[in-house]
Amino acid sequence: MIDILPHILNGLTLGLLFALIALGFMLIVGLMEQINLAHGSLFALGAYVGLQLLGPKPPLPADWTATWIALPLGWRYALTLVIAPAIVGIAGAAVELCMRRTYGKDPLYGLLLTFGAAMVIEEAIRLTWGTRDYVLQVPQTISGGFIFQDLIWSTYRFYAAGISALIIGLVWLVIEKTPFGAIVKAGAHDSEIVRALGINLSRLRLAVFIFGTMLAAVAGIIVAPIWGIRPHMGVDAVVPAFLVIVLGGVGSFWGAVSAGILVGLAVGLSGAYASEWSLLSMYILLVAVVTFRARGLFGKKSVLEA
């Protein structure tokens, strides 16, 4: 049992990160009824912006750079978790403004547009940072490891799991306990009613898209020390995120969280015994669940179901 605990921890950490990525994806899909294929590239952009801010040459004026570098690494890392998502949110806003011409049309137009945006962002990353792999520097207090029960445990994985759970909790509070969250839920249910109540639907869509993009960017920074940073890392994130949404049920907050943890545990535990099956396991899990419950674990019952 002790031997399997590290794999369970890895699975939980991975699952919470999948859930964090999927929540931003789910908000956009739920309100706009569009699949944002650029979500993974924005996730990767968050990791790269975090890398730049924590590197020796941050993109700041000379006076600001000296002050920034003089800060302890812990403070810089904490501020990066706020600044980098805000910067990536601007890129997300640009994508949403381009998407506006596709609203109300065949969803294929939005799908193709976000696919093109994903390619543009990925190529921009290659032109700016090159194609080599990077490792994100983290504060010493959350790096390294410790020994427990004769096993070496990663300190950062505990941190990653904890901060992911905290952010998921904050997102739940925003959605369930604030006027903004109430409007978002109403818009996901019936956008025309929201428009009839005098709420600017275009601004709401923009706000939700930026919010979802910022969640992706935060996840990119948190996962970077575990996965490493490379231009195509977004593909490794967007495919599981889409799978998590389908598995948990489209539009369900706790469905996305539960499905993310299940997928993470499936990948972590299968990797412990048969590493070649680790990625395949999440697809097997999806097939098994959808076969018996087509709407996902927490999806609402369709009127077409008996």
Protein backbone atom coordinates (compact mmCIF):
# COMPACT_ATOMS: atom_id res chain seq x y z
CA MET A 1 0.00 0.00 0.00
CA ILE A 2 2.86 2.38 0.87
CA ASP A 3 4.47 1.66 -2.50
CA ILE A 4 1.35 2.74 -4.38
CA LEU A 5 0.82 5.99 -2.45
CA PRO A 6 3.23 8.06 -4.62
CA HIS A 7 1.30 6.98 -7.71
CA ILE A 8 -1.98 7.96 -6.06
CA LEU A 9 -0.49 11.36 -5.21
CA ASN A 10 0.70 11.77 -8.79
CA GLY A 11 -2.76 10.83 -10.03
CA LEU A 12 -4.54 13.27 -7.71
CA THR A 13 -2.17 16.08 -8.66
CA LEU A 14 -2.61 15.38 -12.35
CA GLY A 15 -6.37 15.07 -11.90
CA LEU A 16 -6.70 18.41 -10.14
CA LEU A 17 -4.63 20.06 -12.87
CA PHE A 18 -6.80 18.46 -15.56
CA ALA A 19 -9.87 19.74 -13.70
CA LEU A 20 -8.42 23.26 -13.50
CA ILE A 21 -7.74 23.29 -17.26
CA ALA A 22 -11.15 21.79 -18.02
CA LEU A 23 -13.07 24.35 -15.93
CA GLY A 24 -11.92 27.24 -18.10
CA PHE A 25 -12.68 25.17 -21.18
CA MET A 26 -16.12 24.27 -19.81
CA LEU A 27 -17.12 27.89 -19.06
CA ILE A 28 -16.40 28.88 -22.66
CA VAL A 29 -18.20 25.87 -24.13
CA GLY A 30 -21.19 26.31 -21.80
CA LEU A 31 -21.80 30.00 -22.50
CA MET A 32 -20.74 30.28 -26.14
CA GLU A 33 -21.57 26.76 -27.30
CA GLN A 34 -18.21 26.80 -29.10
CA ILE A 35 -15.27 24.45 -28.65
CA ASN A 36 -12.17 26.61 -28.17
CA LEU A 37 -9.30 24.68 -29.73
CA ALA A 38 -6.94 27.54 -28.82
CA HIS A 39 -7.36 26.76 -25.11
CA GLY A 40 -4.32 24.46 -25.06
CA SER A 41 -2.11 27.01 -26.80
CA LEU A 42 -3.18 29.68 -24.28
CA PHE A 43 -2.28 27.19 -21.54
CA ALA A 44 1.20 26.86 -23.08
CA LEU A 45 1.48 30.64 -23.46
CA GLY A 46 0.83 31.00 -19.72
CA ALA A 47 3.77 28.70 -18.98
CA TYR A 48 6.06 30.67 -21.31
CA VAL A 49 5.05 34.07 -19.92
CA GLY A 50 5.69 32.68 -16.42
CA LEU A 51 9.09 31.46 -17.61
CA GLN A 52 9.92 34.91 -18.95
CA LEU A 53 8.87 36.70 -15.76
CA LEU A 54 10.86 34.32 -13.56
CA GLY A 55 13.91 34.33 -15.83
CA PRO A 56 17.00 36.52 -15.58
CA LYS A 57 15.70 38.96 -18.24
CA PRO A 58 12.04 39.77 -17.61
CA PRO A 59 10.38 42.00 -20.26
CA LEU A 60 10.27 45.08 -18.02
CA PRO A 61 11.78 48.60 -18.12
CA ALA A 62 15.32 48.77 -16.71
CA ASP A 63 14.32 50.36 -13.39
CA TRP A 64 11.49 47.87 -12.88
CA THR A 65 13.75 44.94 -13.80
CA ALA A 66 16.22 45.78 -11.04
CA THR A 67 13.41 46.02 -8.49
CA TRP A 68 11.76 42.82 -9.75
CA ILE A 69 14.96 40.74 -9.63
CA ALA A 70 15.73 42.07 -6.14
CA LEU A 71 12.50 40.50 -4.85
CA PRO A 72 12.79 37.03 -3.23
CA LEU A 73 11.96 34.24 -5.67
CA GLY A 74 8.92 33.27 -3.59
CA TRP A 75 7.39 36.73 -4.01
CA ARG A 76 8.20 36.79 -7.73
CA TYR A 77 6.58 33.38 -8.18
CA ALA A 78 3.43 34.44 -6.31
CA LEU A 79 3.17 37.65 -8.36
CA THR A 80 3.76 35.69 -11.57
CA LEU A 81 0.68 33.58 -10.79
CA VAL A 82 -1.30 36.84 -11.04
CA ILE A 83 0.57 38.83 -13.70
CA ALA A 84 1.08 36.06 -16.28
CA PRO A 85 -2.62 35.06 -16.45
CA ALA A 86 -3.55 38.74 -16.85
CA ILE A 87 -1.15 39.04 -19.81
CA VAL A 88 -2.45 35.82 -21.38
CA GLY A 89 -5.99 37.09 -20.77
CA ILE A 90 -5.25 39.89 -23.27
CA ALA A 91 -4.38 37.26 -25.90
CA GLY A 92 -7.60 35.44 -25.00
CA ALA A 93 -9.57 38.67 -25.47
CA ALA A 94 -8.08 39.05 -28.95
CA VAL A 95 -9.20 35.51 -29.85
CA GLU A 96 -12.73 36.19 -28.58
CA LEU A 97 -12.99 39.42 -30.60
CA CYS A 98 -12.07 37.43 -33.72
CA MET A 99 -14.69 34.80 -32.82
CA ARG A 100 -17.56 37.30 -32.72
CA ARG A 101 -18.17 37.03 -36.46
CA THR A 102 -18.82 33.29 -36.02
CA TYR A 103 -21.56 33.62 -33.38
CA GLY A 104 -24.93 32.42 -34.57
CA LYS A 105 -23.40 30.58 -37.52
CA ASP A 106 -22.42 26.97 -38.10
CA PRO A 107 -20.18 25.89 -35.14
CA LEU A 108 -17.65 24.68 -37.70
CA TYR A 109 -16.64 28.31 -38.35
CA GLY A 110 -15.72 28.86 -34.70
CA LEU A 111 -13.95 25.51 -34.58
CA LEU A 112 -11.79 26.37 -37.59
CA LEU A 113 -11.09 29.87 -36.30
CA THR A 114 -9.89 28.67 -32.89
CA PHE A 115 -7.83 25.95 -34.59
CA GLY A 116 -6.14 28.66 -36.66
CA ALA A 117 -5.64 30.79 -33.53
CA ALA A 118 -4.01 27.81 -31.80
CA MET A 119 -1.57 27.42 -34.70
CA VAL A 120 -0.75 31.15 -34.67
CA ILE A 121 -0.09 31.18 -30.91
CA GLU A 122 2.05 28.03 -31.09
CA GLU A 123 4.15 29.42 -33.96
CA ALA A 124 4.49 32.75 -32.12
CA ILE A 125 5.84 30.80 -29.15
CA ARG A 126 8.39 29.05 -31.39
CA LEU A 127 9.51 32.36 -32.92
CA THR A 128 9.85 34.03 -29.51
CA TRP A 129 11.32 31.27 -27.34
CA GLY A 130 12.56 28.71 -29.86
CA THR A 131 11.85 24.98 -29.91
CA ARG A 132 14.01 23.81 -27.01
CA ASP A 133 12.55 22.55 -23.73
CA TYR A 134 12.65 24.72 -20.61
CA VAL A 135 12.21 24.11 -16.89
CA LEU A 136 10.36 26.67 -14.78
CA GLN A 137 12.25 27.86 -11.73
CA VAL A 138 10.30 27.54 -8.47
CA PRO A 139 11.07 28.74 -4.92
CA GLN A 140 13.31 26.47 -2.88
CA THR A 141 10.63 26.06 -0.21
CA ILE A 142 8.38 24.13 -2.61
CA SER A 143 11.07 22.32 -4.61
CA GLY A 144 13.04 19.19 -3.79
CA GLY A 145 11.61 16.35 -1.76
CA PHE A 146 11.46 14.63 1.60
CA ILE A 147 11.60 11.06 2.89
CA PHE A 148 8.54 9.39 4.43
CA GLN A 149 8.16 5.65 5.05
CA ASP A 150 11.45 5.05 3.21
CA LEU A 151 10.07 6.70 0.07
CA ILE A 152 11.09 10.00 -1.52
CA TRP A 153 8.13 12.38 -1.97
CA SER A 154 8.06 15.44 -4.21
CA THR A 155 7.32 18.60 -2.24
CA TYR A 156 6.20 20.43 -5.37
CA ARG A 157 3.51 17.88 -6.18
CA PHE A 158 1.88 18.51 -2.79
CA TYR A 159 2.04 22.23 -3.52
CA ALA A 160 0.61 21.78 -7.03
CA ALA A 161 -2.28 19.68 -5.70
CA GLY A 162 -3.00 22.17 -2.91
CA ILE A 163 -2.92 25.32 -5.05
CA SER A 164 -5.05 23.64 -7.74
CA ALA A 165 -7.66 22.65 -5.14
CA LEU A 166 -7.62 26.21 -3.75
CA ILE A 167 -8.16 27.78 -7.17
CA ILE A 168 -10.95 25.31 -7.98
CA GLY A 169 -12.61 26.31 -4.70
CA LEU A 170 -12.29 30.01 -5.58
CA VAL A 171 -13.79 29.39 -9.02
CA TRP A 172 -16.73 27.63 -7.35
CA LEU A 173 -17.26 30.63 -5.07
CA VAL A 174 -17.22 33.00 -8.07
CA ILE A 175 -19.74 30.90 -10.00
CA GLU A 176 -22.07 30.07 -7.10
CA LYS A 177 -21.86 33.08 -4.79
CA THR A 178 -21.42 36.17 -6.96
CA PRO A 179 -23.74 38.11 -9.32
CA PHE A 180 -21.25 37.49 -12.14
CA GLY A 181 -21.53 33.74 -11.59
CA ALA A 182 -25.32 33.91 -11.59
CA ILE A 183 -25.29 35.76 -14.92
CA VAL A 184 -22.83 33.25 -16.40
CA LYS A 185 -25.05 30.33 -15.38
CA ALA A 186 -28.13 32.06 -16.74
CA GLY A 187 -26.33 32.79 -20.01
CA ALA A 188 -25.27 29.17 -20.34
CA HIS A 189 -28.89 28.10 -19.82
CA ASP A 190 -30.53 30.64 -22.16
CA SER A 191 -28.52 33.49 -23.66
CA GLU A 192 -31.58 35.15 -25.18
CA ILE A 193 -33.20 35.62 -21.76
CA VAL A 194 -29.98 37.24 -20.50
CA ARG A 195 -30.02 39.59 -23.49
CA ALA A 196 -33.71 40.39 -22.87
CA LEU A 197 -32.88 41.39 -19.29
CA GLY A 198 -30.62 44.13 -20.63
CA ILE A 199 -27.28 42.42 -19.98
CA ASN A 200 -24.66 43.04 -22.65
CA LEU A 201 -24.08 39.53 -23.98
CA SER A 202 -20.96 40.52 -25.93
CA ARG A 203 -19.27 41.84 -22.78
CA LEU A 204 -20.36 38.77 -20.85
CA ARG A 205 -18.83 36.46 -23.46
CA LEU A 206 -15.63 38.49 -23.44
CA ALA A 207 -15.41 38.36 -19.63
CA VAL A 208 -16.02 34.60 -19.54
CA PHE A 209 -13.47 33.98 -22.30
CA ILE A 210 -10.83 36.01 -20.44
CA PHE A 211 -11.68 34.23 -17.17
CA GLY A 212 -11.37 30.80 -18.83
CA THR A 213 -8.12 31.83 -20.49
CA MET A 214 -6.66 33.01 -17.18
CA LEU A 215 -7.52 29.66 -15.57
CA ALA A 216 -5.66 27.91 -18.40
CA ALA A 217 -2.65 30.19 -17.92
CA VAL A 218 -2.52 29.53 -14.16
CA ALA A 219 -2.66 25.80 -14.85
CA GLY A 220 0.17 26.19 -17.36
CA ILE A 221 2.41 27.83 -14.75
CA ILE A 222 1.59 25.23 -12.09
CA VAL A 223 2.10 22.24 -14.37
CA ALA A 224 5.29 23.57 -16.02
CA PRO A 225 7.74 22.24 -13.39
CA ILE A 226 6.13 18.77 -13.73
CA TRP A 227 5.74 18.48 -17.51
CA GLY A 228 8.45 20.87 -18.64
CA ILE A 229 7.84 23.72 -21.09
CA ARG A 230 7.73 23.12 -24.84
CA PRO A 231 5.77 24.72 -27.71
CA HIS A 232 3.36 21.80 -28.24
CA MET A 233 2.58 21.25 -24.55
CA GLY A 234 -0.89 22.69 -25.17
CA VAL A 235 -1.91 19.57 -27.07
CA ASP A 236 -1.12 17.50 -23.97
CA ALA A 237 -3.59 19.68 -22.05
CA VAL A 238 -6.51 20.38 -24.38
CA VAL A 239 -7.22 16.74 -25.30
CA PRO A 240 -7.59 15.58 -21.65
CA ALA A 241 -9.57 18.75 -20.87
CA PHE A 242 -12.10 17.98 -23.59
CA LEU A 243 -12.25 14.36 -22.43
CA VAL A 244 -12.85 15.49 -18.83
CA ILE A 245 -15.78 17.72 -19.88
CA VAL A 246 -17.45 14.89 -21.81
CA LEU A 247 -16.79 12.39 -19.03
CA GLY A 248 -18.08 14.65 -16.26
CA GLY A 249 -21.03 16.02 -18.22
CA VAL A 250 -21.04 19.23 -20.24
CA GLY A 251 -21.85 22.22 -18.04
CA SER A 252 -21.34 20.45 -14.71
CA PHE A 253 -18.78 22.07 -12.39
CA TRP A 254 -18.41 19.12 -10.02
CA GLY A 255 -18.65 16.76 -12.97
CA ALA A 256 -15.50 18.35 -14.43
CA VAL A 257 -13.71 18.19 -11.07
CA SER A 258 -14.70 14.56 -10.41
CA ALA A 259 -13.88 13.48 -13.95
CA GLY A 260 -10.51 15.26 -13.79
CA ILE A 261 -9.58 13.39 -10.62
CA LEU A 262 -10.77 10.07 -12.08
CA VAL A 263 -8.74 10.61 -15.25
CA GLY A 264 -5.68 11.63 -13.24
CA LEU A 265 -5.94 8.55 -11.01
CA ALA A 266 -6.44 6.31 -14.03
CA VAL A 267 -3.30 7.71 -15.69
CA GLY A 268 -1.26 7.64 -12.46
CA LEU A 269 -2.19 4.14 -11.33
CA SER A 270 -1.98 2.53 -14.77
CA GLY A 271 1.43 4.15 -15.20
CA ALA A 272 2.58 2.45 -12.00
CA TYR A 273 2.01 -1.04 -13.42
CA ALA A 274 1.99 -0.61 -17.22
CA SER A 275 3.43 2.72 -18.36
CA GLU A 276 2.53 2.06 -21.99
CA TRP A 277 -1.15 2.03 -20.95
CA SER A 278 -1.06 5.26 -18.91
CA LEU A 279 -2.43 7.58 -21.61
CA LEU A 280 -4.67 4.95 -23.17
CA SER A 281 -6.34 4.37 -19.79
CA MET A 282 -8.18 7.71 -19.85
CA TYR A 283 -9.76 6.90 -23.21
CA ILE A 284 -10.78 3.47 -21.96
CA LEU A 285 -12.37 5.17 -18.93
CA LEU A 286 -14.28 7.54 -21.23
CA VAL A 287 -15.59 4.69 -23.38
CA ALA A 288 -16.63 2.70 -20.30
CA VAL A 289 -18.58 5.60 -18.75
CA VAL A 290 -20.18 6.95 -21.93
CA THR A 291 -21.28 3.45 -22.97
CA PHE A 292 -23.55 3.24 -19.92
CA ARG A 293 -24.19 6.97 -19.35
CA ALA A 294 -24.01 8.92 -22.59
CA ARG A 295 -24.45 12.33 -20.89
CA GLY A 296 -21.44 11.77 -18.59
CA LEU A 297 -21.28 11.36 -14.83
CA PHE A 298 -23.16 14.54 -13.86
CA GLY A 299 -24.68 15.61 -17.18
CA LYS A 300 -28.32 16.61 -17.23
CA LYS A 301 -30.82 14.11 -18.59
CA SER A 302 -31.84 14.73 -22.18
CA VAL A 303 -35.48 14.93 -23.23
CA LEU A 304 -34.65 12.21 -25.75
CA GLU A 305 -33.77 9.73 -23.01
CA ALA A 306 -36.41 7.36 -21.69
